[in-house]
Structures are given as C-alpha cells and as structure tokens.
Amino acid sequence: QFGFEDKVSYVSTGGGAMLESLEGKT
C-alpha cells in the first residue's frame, strides 16, 4: 500500500507458512 515493496530485501508470499516457519515448525 505504501510503496515499500522494492525497498526491502524480501517480501514473503505466504502468510500462514511464514508464521509457522518462524514458530520453528517444519
């Protein structure tokens, strides 16, 4: 929305998958 997409290193495409990865789940 605020135009930062190309100004960060990586924007993850998966909401739930990303959260479970951060929780340490395989």
PDB file of all heavy atoms in Angstrom:
ATOM      1  N   GLN A   1       0.819  -1.214   0.000  1.00  0.00           N
ATOM      2  CA  GLN A   1       0.000   0.000   0.000  1.00  0.00           C
ATOM      3  C   GLN A   1       0.854   1.266   0.000  1.00  0.00           C
ATOM      4  O   GLN A   1       0.529   2.245  -0.660  1.00  0.00           O
ATOM      5  CB  GLN A   1      -0.928  -0.006   1.222  1.00  0.00           C
ATOM      6  CG  GLN A   1      -1.936   1.135   1.239  1.00  0.00           C
ATOM      7  CD  GLN A   1      -2.900   1.016   2.415  1.00  0.00           C
ATOM      8  OE1 GLN A   1      -3.284  -0.080   2.813  1.00  0.00           O
ATOM      9  NE2 GLN A   1      -3.281   2.140   2.986  1.00  0.00           N
ATOM     10  N   PHE A   2       1.968   1.232   0.745  1.00  0.00           N
ATOM     11  CA  PHE A   2       2.766   2.447   0.900  1.00  0.00           C
ATOM     12  C   PHE A   2       4.037   2.454   0.043  1.00  0.00           C
ATOM     13  O   PHE A   2       4.898   3.312   0.198  1.00  0.00           O
ATOM     14  CB  PHE A   2       3.095   2.665   2.381  1.00  0.00           C
ATOM     15  CG  PHE A   2       1.872   2.748   3.260  1.00  0.00           C
ATOM     16  CD1 PHE A   2       1.697   1.877   4.330  1.00  0.00           C
ATOM     17  CD2 PHE A   2       0.868   3.670   2.986  1.00  0.00           C
ATOM     18  CE1 PHE A   2       0.560   1.939   5.129  1.00  0.00           C
ATOM     19  CE2 PHE A   2      -0.269   3.746   3.783  1.00  0.00           C
ATOM     20  CZ  PHE A   2      -0.434   2.875   4.855  1.00  0.00           C
ATOM     21  N   GLY A   3       4.150   1.473  -0.866  1.00  0.00           N
ATOM     22  CA  GLY A   3       5.220   1.513  -1.867  1.00  0.00           C
ATOM     23  C   GLY A   3       6.602   1.112  -1.386  1.00  0.00           C
ATOM     24  O   GLY A   3       7.615   1.574  -1.905  1.00  0.00           O
ATOM     25  N   PHE A   4       6.682   0.224  -0.384  1.00  0.00           N
ATOM     26  CA  PHE A   4       7.995  -0.214   0.119  1.00  0.00           C
ATOM     27  C   PHE A   4       8.427  -1.565  -0.468  1.00  0.00           C
ATOM     28  O   PHE A   4       9.483  -2.078  -0.111  1.00  0.00           O
ATOM     29  CB  PHE A   4       7.975  -0.323   1.651  1.00  0.00           C
ATOM     30  CG  PHE A   4       7.774   1.001   2.342  1.00  0.00           C
ATOM     31  CD1 PHE A   4       6.631   1.250   3.079  1.00  0.00           C
ATOM     32  CD2 PHE A   4       8.737   2.000   2.257  1.00  0.00           C
ATOM     33  CE1 PHE A   4       6.435   2.465   3.720  1.00  0.00           C
ATOM     34  CE2 PHE A   4       8.557   3.225   2.892  1.00  0.00           C
ATOM     35  CZ  PHE A   4       7.403   3.461   3.623  1.00  0.00           C
ATOM     36  N   GLU A   5       7.603  -2.122  -1.341  1.00  0.00           N
ATOM     37  CA  GLU A   5       7.842  -3.489  -1.829  1.00  0.00           C
ATOM     38  C   GLU A   5       9.243  -3.687  -2.415  1.00  0.00           C
ATOM     39  O   GLU A   5       9.884  -4.709  -2.190  1.00  0.00           O
ATOM     40  CB  GLU A   5       6.789  -3.826  -2.897  1.00  0.00           C
ATOM     41  CG  GLU A   5       6.328  -5.252  -2.833  1.00  0.00           C
ATOM     42  CD  GLU A   5       5.144  -5.521  -3.769  1.00  0.00           C
ATOM     43  OE1 GLU A   5       4.495  -4.567  -4.218  1.00  0.00           O
ATOM     44  OE2 GLU A   5       4.912  -6.698  -4.045  1.00  0.00           O
ATOM     45  N   ASP A   6       9.715  -2.697  -3.167  1.00  0.00           N
ATOM     46  CA  ASP A   6      11.033  -2.815  -3.803  1.00  0.00           C
ATOM     47  C   ASP A   6      12.145  -2.220  -2.949  1.00  0.00           C
ATOM     48  O   ASP A   6      13.288  -2.135  -3.373  1.00  0.00           O
ATOM     49  CB  ASP A   6      11.012  -2.125  -5.179  1.00  0.00           C
ATOM     50  CG  ASP A   6       9.986  -2.755  -6.108  1.00  0.00           C
ATOM     51  OD1 ASP A   6       9.782  -3.984  -6.001  1.00  0.00           O
ATOM     52  OD2 ASP A   6       9.374  -2.034  -6.917  1.00  0.00           O
ATOM     53  N   LYS A   7      11.799  -1.792  -1.737  1.00  0.00           N
ATOM     54  CA  LYS A   7      12.798  -1.123  -0.892  1.00  0.00           C
ATOM     55  C   LYS A   7      13.226  -1.989   0.288  1.00  0.00           C
ATOM     56  O   LYS A   7      13.999  -1.574   1.131  1.00  0.00           O
ATOM     57  CB  LYS A   7      12.228   0.212  -0.385  1.00  0.00           C
ATOM     58  CG  LYS A   7      11.960   1.175  -1.539  1.00  0.00           C
ATOM     59  CD  LYS A   7      11.380   2.488  -1.059  1.00  0.00           C
ATOM     60  CE  LYS A   7      11.258   3.453  -2.237  1.00  0.00           C
ATOM     61  NZ  LYS A   7       9.963   4.072  -2.354  1.00  0.00           N
ATOM     62  N   VAL A   8      12.676  -3.211   0.356  1.00  0.00           N
ATOM     63  CA  VAL A   8      13.110  -4.171   1.373  1.00  0.00           C
ATOM     64  C   VAL A   8      13.738  -5.358   0.647  1.00  0.00           C
ATOM     65  O   VAL A   8      13.582  -5.507  -0.562  1.00  0.00           O
ATOM     66  CB  VAL A   8      11.919  -4.628   2.262  1.00  0.00           C
ATOM     67  CG1 VAL A   8      11.346  -3.445   3.035  1.00  0.00           C
ATOM     68  CG2 VAL A   8      10.820  -5.290   1.433  1.00  0.00           C
ATOM     69  N   SER A   9      14.453  -6.191   1.394  1.00  0.00           N
ATOM     70  CA  SER A   9      15.177  -7.299   0.743  1.00  0.00           C
ATOM     71  C   SER A   9      14.244  -8.360   0.183  1.00  0.00           C
ATOM     72  O   SER A   9      14.428  -8.849  -0.921  1.00  0.00           O
ATOM     73  CB  SER A   9      16.153  -7.954   1.726  1.00  0.00           C
ATOM     74  OG  SER A   9      17.007  -6.993   2.288  1.00  0.00           O
ATOM     75  N   TYR A  10      13.225  -8.723   0.982  1.00  0.00           N
ATOM     76  CA  TYR A  10      12.334  -9.800   0.528  1.00  0.00           C
ATOM     77  C   TYR A  10      10.968  -9.676   1.187  1.00  0.00           C
ATOM     78  O   TYR A  10      10.878  -9.434   2.388  1.00  0.00           O
ATOM     79  CB  TYR A  10      12.940 -11.182   0.842  1.00  0.00           C
ATOM     80  CG  TYR A  10      12.227 -12.289   0.111  1.00  0.00           C
ATOM     81  CD1 TYR A  10      12.384 -12.445  -1.260  1.00  0.00           C
ATOM     82  CD2 TYR A  10      11.358 -13.168   0.770  1.00  0.00           C
ATOM     83  CE1 TYR A  10      11.706 -13.449  -1.951  1.00  0.00           C
ATOM     84  CE2 TYR A  10      10.679 -14.160   0.087  1.00  0.00           C
ATOM     85  CZ  TYR A  10      10.864 -14.292  -1.279  1.00  0.00           C
ATOM     86  OH  TYR A  10      10.184 -15.268  -1.964  1.00  0.00           O
ATOM     87  N   VAL A  11       9.928  -9.820   0.354  1.00  0.00           N
ATOM     88  CA  VAL A  11       8.554  -9.836   0.862  1.00  0.00           C
ATOM     89  C   VAL A  11       8.024 -11.253   0.699  1.00  0.00           C
ATOM     90  O   VAL A  11       7.933 -11.762  -0.422  1.00  0.00           O
ATOM     91  CB  VAL A  11       7.645  -8.839   0.104  1.00  0.00           C
ATOM     92  CG1 VAL A  11       6.226  -8.877   0.657  1.00  0.00           C
ATOM     93  CG2 VAL A  11       8.210  -7.422   0.194  1.00  0.00           C
ATOM     94  N   SER A  12       7.707 -11.902   1.796  1.00  0.00           N
ATOM     95  CA  SER A  12       7.249 -13.286   1.746  1.00  0.00           C
ATOM     96  C   SER A  12       5.875 -13.387   1.092  1.00  0.00           C
ATOM     97  O   SER A  12       5.024 -12.521   1.259  1.00  0.00           O
ATOM     98  CB  SER A  12       7.188 -13.875   3.152  1.00  0.00           C
ATOM     99  OG  SER A  12       6.695 -15.201   3.104  1.00  0.00           O
ATOM    100  N   THR A  13       5.661 -14.483   0.343  1.00  0.00           N
ATOM    101  CA  THR A  13       4.385 -14.685  -0.346  1.00  0.00           C
ATOM    102  C   THR A  13       3.416 -15.529   0.464  1.00  0.00           C
ATOM    103  O   THR A  13       2.281 -15.730   0.065  1.00  0.00           O
ATOM    104  CB  THR A  13       4.614 -15.406  -1.702  1.00  0.00           C
ATOM    105  OG1 THR A  13       5.260 -16.658  -1.442  1.00  0.00           O
ATOM    106  CG2 THR A  13       5.470 -14.578  -2.636  1.00  0.00           C
ATOM    107  N   GLY A  14       3.862 -16.035   1.612  1.00  0.00           N
ATOM    108  CA  GLY A  14       2.997 -16.939   2.384  1.00  0.00           C
ATOM    109  C   GLY A  14       2.764 -16.459   3.796  1.00  0.00           C
ATOM    110  O   GLY A  14       3.700 -16.396   4.583  1.00  0.00           O
ATOM    111  N   GLY A  15       1.545 -16.117   4.136  1.00  0.00           N
ATOM    112  CA  GLY A  15       1.225 -15.646   5.486  1.00  0.00           C
ATOM    113  C   GLY A  15       1.355 -16.740   6.524  1.00  0.00           C
ATOM    114  O   GLY A  15       2.258 -16.735   7.362  1.00  0.00           O
ATOM    115  N   GLY A  16       0.454 -17.740   6.451  1.00  0.00           N
ATOM    116  CA  GLY A  16       0.452 -18.834   7.417  1.00  0.00           C
ATOM    117  C   GLY A  16       1.738 -19.641   7.397  1.00  0.00           C
ATOM    118  O   GLY A  16       2.274 -20.029   8.445  1.00  0.00           O
ATOM    119  N   ALA A  17       2.267 -19.878   6.205  1.00  0.00           N
ATOM    120  CA  ALA A  17       3.501 -20.661   6.071  1.00  0.00           C
ATOM    121  C   ALA A  17       4.676 -19.931   6.709  1.00  0.00           C
ATOM    122  O   ALA A  17       5.512 -20.530   7.388  1.00  0.00           O
ATOM    123  CB  ALA A  17       3.790 -20.940   4.597  1.00  0.00           C
ATOM    124  N   MET A  18       4.727 -18.631   6.495  1.00  0.00           N
ATOM    125  CA  MET A  18       5.799 -17.819   7.085  1.00  0.00           C
ATOM    126  C   MET A  18       5.713 -17.858   8.616  1.00  0.00           C
ATOM    127  O   MET A  18       6.718 -18.060   9.309  1.00  0.00           O
ATOM    128  CB  MET A  18       5.634 -16.381   6.585  1.00  0.00           C
ATOM    129  CG  MET A  18       6.342 -15.346   7.415  1.00  0.00           C
ATOM    130  SD  MET A  18       7.871 -14.858   6.658  1.00  0.00           S
ATOM    131  CE  MET A  18       8.321 -13.538   7.745  1.00  0.00           C
ATOM    132  N   LEU A  19       4.507 -17.691   9.151  1.00  0.00           N
ATOM    133  CA  LEU A  19       4.339 -17.687  10.608  1.00  0.00           C
ATOM    134  C   LEU A  19       4.742 -19.026  11.211  1.00  0.00           C
ATOM    135  O   LEU A  19       5.420 -19.076  12.235  1.00  0.00           O
ATOM    136  CB  LEU A  19       2.893 -17.347  10.986  1.00  0.00           C
ATOM    137  CG  LEU A  19       2.414 -15.942  10.582  1.00  0.00           C
ATOM    138  CD1 LEU A  19       1.010 -15.689  11.091  1.00  0.00           C
ATOM    139  CD2 LEU A  19       3.352 -14.859  11.107  1.00  0.00           C
ATOM    140  N   GLU A  20       4.340 -20.115  10.548  1.00  0.00           N
ATOM    141  CA  GLU A  20       4.703 -21.445  11.086  1.00  0.00           C
ATOM    142  C   GLU A  20       6.212 -21.684  11.008  1.00  0.00           C
ATOM    143  O   GLU A  20       6.790 -22.336  11.881  1.00  0.00           O
ATOM    144  CB  GLU A  20       3.910 -22.539  10.363  1.00  0.00           C
ATOM    145  CG  GLU A  20       2.427 -22.510  10.737  1.00  0.00           C
ATOM    146  CD  GLU A  20       1.675 -23.777  10.371  1.00  0.00           C
ATOM    147  OE1 GLU A  20       2.315 -24.809  10.110  1.00  0.00           O
ATOM    148  OE2 GLU A  20       0.415 -23.724  10.357  1.00  0.00           O
ATOM    149  N   SER A  21       6.856 -21.147   9.977  1.00  0.00           N
ATOM    150  CA  SER A  21       8.320 -21.256   9.882  1.00  0.00           C
ATOM    151  C   SER A  21       8.974 -20.520  11.041  1.00  0.00           C
ATOM    152  O   SER A  21       9.927 -21.006  11.649  1.00  0.00           O
ATOM    153  CB  SER A  21       8.829 -20.649   8.567  1.00  0.00           C
ATOM    154  OG  SER A  21       8.331 -21.353   7.470  1.00  0.00           O
ATOM    155  N   LEU A  22       8.452 -19.319  11.354  1.00  0.00           N
ATOM    156  CA  LEU A  22       9.016 -18.533  12.456  1.00  0.00           C
ATOM    157  C   LEU A  22       8.757 -19.184  13.811  1.00  0.00           C
ATOM    158  O   LEU A  22       9.494 -18.977  14.763  1.00  0.00           O
ATOM    159  CB  LEU A  22       8.432 -17.115  12.444  1.00  0.00           C
ATOM    160  CG  LEU A  22       8.776 -16.253  11.229  1.00  0.00           C
ATOM    161  CD1 LEU A  22       8.042 -14.922  11.287  1.00  0.00           C
ATOM    162  CD2 LEU A  22      10.281 -16.019  11.117  1.00  0.00           C
ATOM    163  N   GLU A  23       7.690 -19.987  13.871  1.00  0.00           N
ATOM    164  CA  GLU A  23       7.397 -20.720  15.109  1.00  0.00           C
ATOM    165  C   GLU A  23       8.319 -21.934  15.273  1.00  0.00           C
ATOM    166  O   GLU A  23       8.267 -22.635  16.269  1.00  0.00           O
ATOM    167  CB  GLU A  23       5.929 -21.188  15.104  1.00  0.00           C
ATOM    168  CG  GLU A  23       4.933 -20.061  15.319  1.00  0.00           C
ATOM    169  CD  GLU A  23       3.490 -20.490  15.088  1.00  0.00           C
ATOM    170  OE1 GLU A  23       3.262 -21.673  14.744  1.00  0.00           O
ATOM    171  OE2 GLU A  23       2.597 -19.647  15.229  1.00  0.00           O
ATOM    172  N   GLY A  24       9.133 -22.187  14.223  1.00  0.00           N
ATOM    173  CA  GLY A  24      10.081 -23.297  14.298  1.00  0.00           C
ATOM    174  C   GLY A  24       9.532 -24.613  13.791  1.00  0.00           C
ATOM    175  O   GLY A  24      10.147 -25.662  13.966  1.00  0.00           O
ATOM    176  N   LYS A  25       8.353 -24.573  13.171  1.00  0.00           N
ATOM    177  CA  LYS A  25       7.756 -25.813  12.655  1.00  0.00           C
ATOM    178  C   LYS A  25       8.375 -26.182  11.310  1.00  0.00           C
ATOM    179  O   LYS A  25       8.730 -25.314  10.526  1.00  0.00           O
ATOM    180  CB  LYS A  25       6.249 -25.633  12.481  1.00  0.00           C
ATOM    181  CG  LYS A  25       5.490 -25.423  13.782  1.00  0.00           C
ATOM    182  CD  LYS A  25       4.017 -25.183  13.529  1.00  0.00           C
ATOM    183  CE  LYS A  25       3.269 -24.911  14.836  1.00  0.00           C
ATOM    184  NZ  LYS A  25       1.870 -24.513  14.594  1.00  0.00           N
ATOM    185  N   THR A  26       8.485 -27.486  11.054  1.00  0.00           N
ATOM    186  CA  THR A  26       8.896 -27.954   9.732  1.00  0.00           C
ATOM    187  C   THR A  26       7.639 -28.056   8.877  1.00  0.00           C
ATOM    188  O   THR A  26       6.696 -28.764   9.236  1.00  0.00           O
ATOM    189  CB  THR A  26       9.580 -29.332   9.816  1.00  0.00           C
ATOM    190  OG1 THR A  26      10.710 -29.205  10.680  1.00  0.00           O
ATOM    191  CG2 THR A  26      10.050 -29.789   8.445  1.00  0.00           C
TER     192      THR A  26
END
